[in-house]
C-alpha cells in the first residue's frame, strides 16, 4: 500500500472529532483536502472507513478498528522519533578514541581532563595502539575517531591537521651534540641510532628525512614503545630522533634534546570515517582535541626547540 503518514494522521483526527471541517482546522488543511486524503486512504485499504452524511461523519466497523489501532501506533511512532532526537543531541554516553602511543602519553591526558571538566556525562575511552591499528579501528568503526600521524593519501578517511611538530635529536649530556645549539641531519651519518620500529607512524617520516639528507643510517636498535628511547640513549647505546610530543625528558635523566636542522615536521591529524556522521558527544570531544592541540601549539611559541 502506498499510503502516507499524513493520510493516517488526517484519518485519525477525523475519526476523533467526527467532522471534516473541524479536523481541517486542527491540522491546517481545507475541508476538501481532508476529504480527499481520507478517500485516498480508503482506496489504498480497499474498504470504506467512514460513512458520510450531510449532518455527521460516522466510522464503519473497519474504520473503528483502524482508528483505535492507528492512534496507538502513531503515538508510539511520535515517542520513538522524539527519543531518537533526544539521543542525537545528548552530551552523554561513551566515546571511543584511538591514538598512537606518543600522542596518548602527552596530548590525550590534556584532552581527557578537559572533557571531564566540560562534559562530565561523556565517558572518554582511550584505545592506545600503534598507528596501523588506529587506522584500521577507525575504518572498521571500532572507535568513533582517532588521532594519527599523517597517513598520506587515504580515500576512506576524513583527516584534519591539528598540530605540526618537529623531530628533535635526543642524546646524552656528555655527547658532543649536547654542547651545540642544534644539530644537522647530515651530522647523523656516522652515529649509532636508536629508533622506533615501523609500528610507529613517525618511523617512515624519519626514514624519508634520512634519505632526503643522504644519511646512511646506522640503526642499532628498533623499539616498540617511545618511552624506551630514553633509557636506551641514557645507557649509551646510541642517540635518537624523536617527535616533540615524546617530551618531557624523564626527571633526573642525563639527557639533552636539540633542534635538528633543516626542520622536519610531522602532522598530527584527527581522523574519522568519510561520509559518516559523529554523534553529538563524539563531535564535542573532536572539538576538545582540536582545541587542546591548538593550546599546545600556542604554548610552544617562545620555546627555542620549536623555532624554525
Protein backbone atom coordinates (compact mmCIF):
# COMPACT_ATOMS: atom_id res chain seq x y z
CA UNK A 1 0.00 0.00 0.00
CA UNK A 2 1.27 3.43 -0.93
CA UNK A 3 -0.27 5.36 1.96
CA UNK A 4 1.39 8.30 3.68
CA UNK A 5 1.89 9.25 7.30
CA UNK A 6 -0.11 12.39 6.57
CA UNK A 7 -3.11 10.33 5.41
CA UNK A 8 -3.02 8.29 8.59
CA UNK A 9 -2.88 11.38 10.79
CA UNK A 10 -5.75 13.02 8.89
CA UNK A 11 -7.90 9.92 9.26
CA UNK A 12 -7.22 9.58 12.99
CA UNK A 13 -8.12 13.26 13.52
CA UNK A 14 -11.38 12.91 11.57
CA UNK A 15 -12.22 9.75 13.50
CA UNK A 16 -11.66 11.55 16.78
CA UNK A 17 -13.72 14.73 16.07
CA UNK A 18 -16.27 13.19 13.62
CA UNK A 19 -16.01 16.19 11.31
CA UNK A 20 -14.03 17.02 8.17
CA UNK A 21 -14.18 20.76 8.78
CA UNK A 22 -13.07 20.59 12.44
CA UNK A 23 -10.32 18.10 11.54
CA UNK A 24 -9.11 20.50 8.87
CA UNK A 25 -9.00 23.38 11.34
CA UNK A 26 -6.97 21.30 13.79
CA UNK A 27 -4.34 20.17 11.29
CA UNK A 28 -4.29 23.19 8.97
CA UNK A 29 -5.99 21.74 5.89
CA UNK A 30 -9.12 22.67 3.96
CA UNK A 31 -12.23 20.53 4.31
CA UNK A 32 -11.86 19.31 0.74
CA UNK A 33 -8.21 18.35 1.32
CA UNK A 34 -9.22 16.35 4.40
CA UNK A 35 -11.95 14.58 2.47
CA UNK A 36 -9.60 13.82 -0.42
CA UNK A 37 -6.96 12.42 1.95
CA UNK A 38 -9.47 10.05 3.56
CA UNK A 39 -10.73 8.90 0.16
CA UNK A 40 -7.15 8.10 -0.90
CA UNK A 41 -6.66 6.03 2.26
CA UNK A 42 -9.89 4.16 1.58
CA UNK A 43 -8.68 3.38 -1.93
CA UNK A 44 -5.40 2.08 -0.51
CA UNK A 45 -7.09 -0.15 2.07
CA UNK A 46 -9.87 -1.25 -0.28
CA UNK A 47 -12.58 -0.72 2.35
CA UNK A 48 -14.90 2.08 3.36
CA UNK A 49 -13.69 3.67 6.59
CA UNK A 50 -16.28 6.46 7.06
CA UNK A 51 -19.98 6.85 6.39
CA UNK A 52 -20.65 10.42 5.34
CA UNK A 53 -23.96 12.24 5.58
CA UNK A 54 -24.81 15.92 5.37
CA UNK A 55 -25.05 16.06 9.17
CA UNK A 56 -22.31 13.76 10.51
CA UNK A 57 -19.35 11.51 9.86
CA UNK A 58 -19.56 8.00 11.31
CA UNK A 59 -16.91 5.30 11.44
CA UNK A 60 -17.59 1.98 9.78
CA UNK A 61 -16.63 -1.15 11.66
CA UNK A 62 -13.37 -1.30 9.70
CA UNK A 63 -12.83 2.38 10.40
CA UNK A 64 -13.33 1.91 14.14
CA UNK A 65 -10.81 -0.89 14.27
CA UNK A 66 -8.27 1.01 12.18
CA UNK A 67 -8.66 4.25 14.16
CA UNK A 68 -8.16 2.51 17.51
CA UNK A 69 -5.01 0.76 16.39
CA UNK A 70 -3.62 3.71 14.43
CA UNK A 71 -3.84 6.07 17.39
CA UNK A 72 -1.63 3.77 19.45
CA UNK A 73 0.79 3.22 16.56
CA UNK A 74 1.12 6.95 15.81
CA UNK A 75 1.68 7.73 19.50
CA UNK A 76 4.43 5.10 19.60
CA UNK A 77 5.97 6.48 16.41
CA UNK A 78 5.94 10.01 17.81
CA UNK A 79 7.58 8.78 21.02
CA UNK A 80 10.21 6.83 19.05
CA UNK A 81 11.10 9.83 16.89
CA UNK A 82 11.25 12.10 19.94
CA UNK A 83 13.59 9.68 21.71
CA UNK A 84 15.80 9.44 18.61
CA UNK A 85 16.05 13.21 18.51
CA UNK A 86 16.94 13.32 22.18
CA UNK A 87 19.71 10.75 21.74
CA UNK A 88 21.08 12.68 18.77
CA UNK A 89 21.56 15.81 20.87
CA UNK A 90 22.68 14.28 24.15
CA UNK A 91 26.12 15.07 25.53
CA UNK A 92 26.25 11.74 27.33
CA UNK A 93 27.45 8.22 26.69
CA UNK A 94 30.69 6.57 25.70
CA UNK A 95 33.04 7.97 23.04
CA UNK A 96 35.89 5.73 21.89
CA UNK A 97 39.06 7.46 20.67
CA UNK A 98 42.17 5.73 19.30
CA UNK A 99 45.64 7.27 19.27
CA UNK A 100 49.23 6.14 18.90
CA UNK A 101 51.45 5.96 21.95
CA UNK A 102 53.34 9.26 21.87
CA UNK A 103 50.06 11.07 21.31
CA UNK A 104 48.35 9.13 24.08
CA UNK A 105 51.11 9.84 26.55
CA UNK A 106 51.01 13.64 26.32
CA UNK A 107 48.23 15.21 24.25
CA UNK A 108 45.42 12.84 25.20
CA UNK A 109 45.64 13.31 29.01
CA UNK A 110 45.03 17.03 28.46
CA UNK A 111 42.03 16.17 26.28
CA UNK A 112 40.54 13.73 28.78
CA UNK A 113 40.94 16.21 31.64
CA UNK A 114 39.25 18.97 29.62
CA UNK A 115 36.47 16.60 28.55
CA UNK A 116 35.83 15.66 32.19
CA UNK A 117 35.54 19.33 33.10
CA UNK A 118 33.28 20.33 30.20
CA UNK A 119 31.28 17.14 29.63
CA UNK A 120 31.20 15.09 32.84
CA UNK A 121 28.45 12.84 31.41
CA UNK A 122 30.64 11.73 28.47
CA UNK A 123 32.90 8.74 29.05
CA UNK A 124 36.14 9.37 27.09
CA UNK A 125 37.51 5.88 26.36
CA UNK A 126 41.08 5.79 25.02
CA UNK A 127 42.44 2.98 22.84
CA UNK A 128 46.24 3.33 22.97
CA UNK A 129 47.61 1.39 19.99
CA UNK A 130 50.19 1.53 17.13
CA UNK A 131 49.34 3.67 14.13
CA UNK A 132 48.17 0.90 11.78
CA UNK A 133 45.82 -0.47 14.44
CA UNK A 134 44.43 3.02 14.97
CA UNK A 135 43.74 3.45 11.25
CA UNK A 136 42.05 0.07 10.95
CA UNK A 137 39.95 0.61 14.07
CA UNK A 138 38.63 3.84 12.53
CA UNK A 139 37.86 2.11 9.24
CA UNK A 140 36.07 -0.77 10.96
CA UNK A 141 34.01 1.54 13.16
CA UNK A 142 35.52 0.14 16.34
CA UNK A 143 36.20 3.69 17.54
CA UNK A 144 34.40 6.97 16.92
CA UNK A 145 37.53 8.73 15.69
CA UNK A 146 41.29 8.67 16.02
CA UNK A 147 44.35 10.89 16.25
CA UNK A 148 47.07 9.82 13.85
CA UNK A 149 50.31 10.89 12.26
CA UNK A 150 49.66 11.97 8.67
CA UNK A 151 48.79 8.68 6.94
CA UNK A 152 49.31 10.10 3.46
CA UNK A 153 46.79 9.61 0.69
CA UNK A 154 43.79 7.74 2.12
CA UNK A 155 40.46 7.90 0.34
CA UNK A 156 38.26 6.37 3.02
CA UNK A 157 39.12 8.71 5.89
CA UNK A 158 38.38 12.35 6.58
CA UNK A 159 41.51 13.87 8.13
CA UNK A 160 42.09 17.28 9.68
CA UNK A 161 45.53 18.56 10.71
CA UNK A 162 45.53 19.81 14.30
CA UNK A 163 49.22 20.07 15.16
CA UNK A 164 52.56 20.26 13.37
CA UNK A 165 55.61 19.39 15.43
CA UNK A 166 59.32 18.97 14.65
CA UNK A 167 61.51 15.94 15.06
CA UNK A 168 64.26 16.51 17.63
CA UNK A 169 67.63 14.96 18.47
CA UNK A 170 68.00 13.04 21.73
CA UNK A 171 71.48 12.42 23.14
CA UNK A 172 73.34 12.04 26.41
CA UNK A 173 74.62 15.18 28.10
CA UNK A 174 78.21 14.01 27.53
CA UNK A 175 77.71 13.59 23.77
CA UNK A 176 79.37 16.22 21.52
CA UNK A 177 75.94 17.24 20.20
CA UNK A 178 74.89 18.25 23.74
CA UNK A 179 77.19 21.29 23.63
CA UNK A 180 75.76 22.51 20.32
CA UNK A 181 72.76 24.78 19.87
CA UNK A 182 71.40 22.42 17.25
CA UNK A 183 72.48 19.54 15.01
CA UNK A 184 72.14 18.90 11.29
CA UNK A 185 70.54 15.80 9.85
CA UNK A 186 73.75 15.23 7.90
CA UNK A 187 75.65 15.01 11.21
CA UNK A 188 73.88 11.69 11.87
CA UNK A 189 75.89 9.98 9.14
CA UNK A 190 78.28 8.13 11.42
CA UNK A 191 76.13 7.95 14.53
CA UNK A 192 74.53 4.92 16.13
CA UNK A 193 70.76 5.42 16.09
CA UNK A 194 68.04 4.00 18.31
CA UNK A 195 64.68 4.48 16.58
CA UNK A 196 61.09 3.38 16.96
CA UNK A 197 60.04 0.48 14.77
CA UNK A 198 57.56 0.59 11.89
CA UNK A 199 54.53 0.26 14.16
CA UNK A 200 55.08 3.98 14.72
CA UNK A 201 53.69 6.46 12.21
CA UNK A 202 56.82 8.55 12.77
CA UNK A 203 59.30 5.97 11.50
CA UNK A 204 58.52 6.34 7.76
CA UNK A 205 58.88 10.10 8.13
CA UNK A 206 62.28 9.72 9.85
CA UNK A 207 63.43 7.29 7.16
CA UNK A 208 62.34 9.75 4.47
CA UNK A 209 64.28 12.56 6.15
CA UNK A 210 67.43 10.43 6.44
CA UNK A 211 67.17 9.54 2.75
CA UNK A 212 66.48 13.15 1.79
CA UNK A 213 69.67 14.32 3.51
CA UNK A 214 71.69 11.36 2.19
CA UNK A 215 72.31 9.88 5.63
CA UNK A 216 73.30 6.21 5.53
CA UNK A 217 71.70 5.37 8.84
CA UNK A 218 73.41 3.04 11.30
CA UNK A 219 70.38 1.82 13.23
CA UNK A 220 71.48 -0.31 16.18
CA UNK A 221 68.10 -0.80 17.89
CA UNK A 222 64.45 -0.59 16.81
CA UNK A 223 61.95 -0.46 19.63
CA UNK A 224 58.19 -0.52 20.00
CA UNK A 225 57.38 1.91 22.79
CA UNK A 226 58.64 5.51 22.62
CA UNK A 227 59.37 5.66 26.36
CA UNK A 228 62.08 3.02 25.84
CA UNK A 229 64.11 5.52 23.79
CA UNK A 230 65.16 7.39 26.92
CA UNK A 231 66.85 4.56 28.85
CA UNK A 232 68.39 3.23 25.64
CA UNK A 233 70.03 6.56 24.87
CA UNK A 234 70.98 7.17 28.51
CA UNK A 235 72.68 3.75 28.58
CA UNK A 236 74.92 4.90 25.72
CA UNK A 237 73.52 2.50 23.10
CA UNK A 238 73.06 5.33 20.64
CA UNK A 239 71.33 8.65 20.00
CA UNK A 240 67.79 9.05 18.77
CA UNK A 241 65.38 11.10 16.70
CA UNK A 242 62.03 11.61 18.36
CA UNK A 243 58.89 13.73 17.93
CA UNK A 244 58.33 16.67 20.23
CA UNK A 245 55.33 15.01 21.87
CA UNK A 246 57.69 12.40 23.33
CA UNK A 247 58.91 15.11 25.71
CA UNK A 248 59.40 15.97 28.51
CA UNK A 249 62.55 14.09 29.43
CA UNK A 250 62.38 11.75 32.40
CA UNK A 251 63.06 13.56 35.65
CA UNK A 252 66.68 13.25 36.78
CA UNK A 253 67.93 11.90 33.43
CA UNK A 254 71.29 12.82 31.93
CA UNK A 255 69.83 13.52 28.50
CA UNK A 256 69.65 16.52 26.21
CA UNK A 257 67.28 17.42 23.38
CA UNK A 258 68.45 19.54 20.46
CA UNK A 259 66.85 21.02 17.38
CA UNK A 260 67.50 19.22 14.12
CA UNK A 261 68.06 21.35 11.03
CA UNK A 262 66.65 21.68 8.48
CA UNK A 263 63.39 21.33 10.39
CA UNK A 264 61.35 18.26 9.53
CA UNK A 265 57.84 18.14 10.94
CA UNK A 266 55.16 15.54 11.35
CA UNK A 267 51.48 16.42 11.07
CA UNK A 268 49.06 15.16 13.71
CA UNK A 269 45.55 14.67 12.39
CA UNK A 270 42.09 13.95 13.63
CA UNK A 271 40.68 11.12 11.51
CA UNK A 272 37.21 9.69 11.07
CA UNK A 273 35.40 7.58 8.51
CA UNK A 274 34.48 9.61 5.46
CA UNK A 275 30.79 10.38 4.96
CA UNK A 276 29.89 9.12 8.45
CA UNK A 277 28.38 11.49 11.00
CA UNK A 278 29.71 11.70 14.52
CA UNK A 279 27.31 11.58 17.45
CA UNK A 280 26.82 14.84 19.30
CA UNK A 281 29.03 13.55 22.12
CA UNK A 282 31.79 12.40 19.74
CA UNK A 283 31.69 15.74 17.90
CA UNK A 284 32.08 17.54 21.23
CA UNK A 285 35.22 15.53 22.05
CA UNK A 286 36.54 16.07 18.50
CA UNK A 287 36.37 19.81 19.25
CA UNK A 288 38.05 19.30 22.63
CA UNK A 289 41.02 17.53 20.98
CA UNK A 290 41.28 20.24 18.34
CA UNK A 291 41.27 23.00 20.98
CA UNK A 292 43.84 21.26 23.19
CA UNK A 293 46.18 20.75 20.23
CA UNK A 294 45.86 24.45 19.42
CA UNK A 295 46.69 25.40 23.01
CA UNK A 296 49.69 23.08 22.99
CA UNK A 297 50.95 24.65 19.77
CA UNK A 298 50.48 28.19 21.13
CA UNK A 299 52.40 27.29 24.29
CA UNK A 300 55.45 26.35 22.21
CA UNK A 301 55.72 29.75 20.55
CA UNK A 302 58.65 31.01 22.63
CA UNK A 303 60.42 27.68 23.19
CA UNK A 304 63.72 27.66 21.24
CA UNK A 305 63.31 23.95 20.45
CA UNK A 306 60.41 24.82 18.16
CA UNK A 307 61.87 27.83 16.41
CA UNK A 308 62.28 27.27 12.67
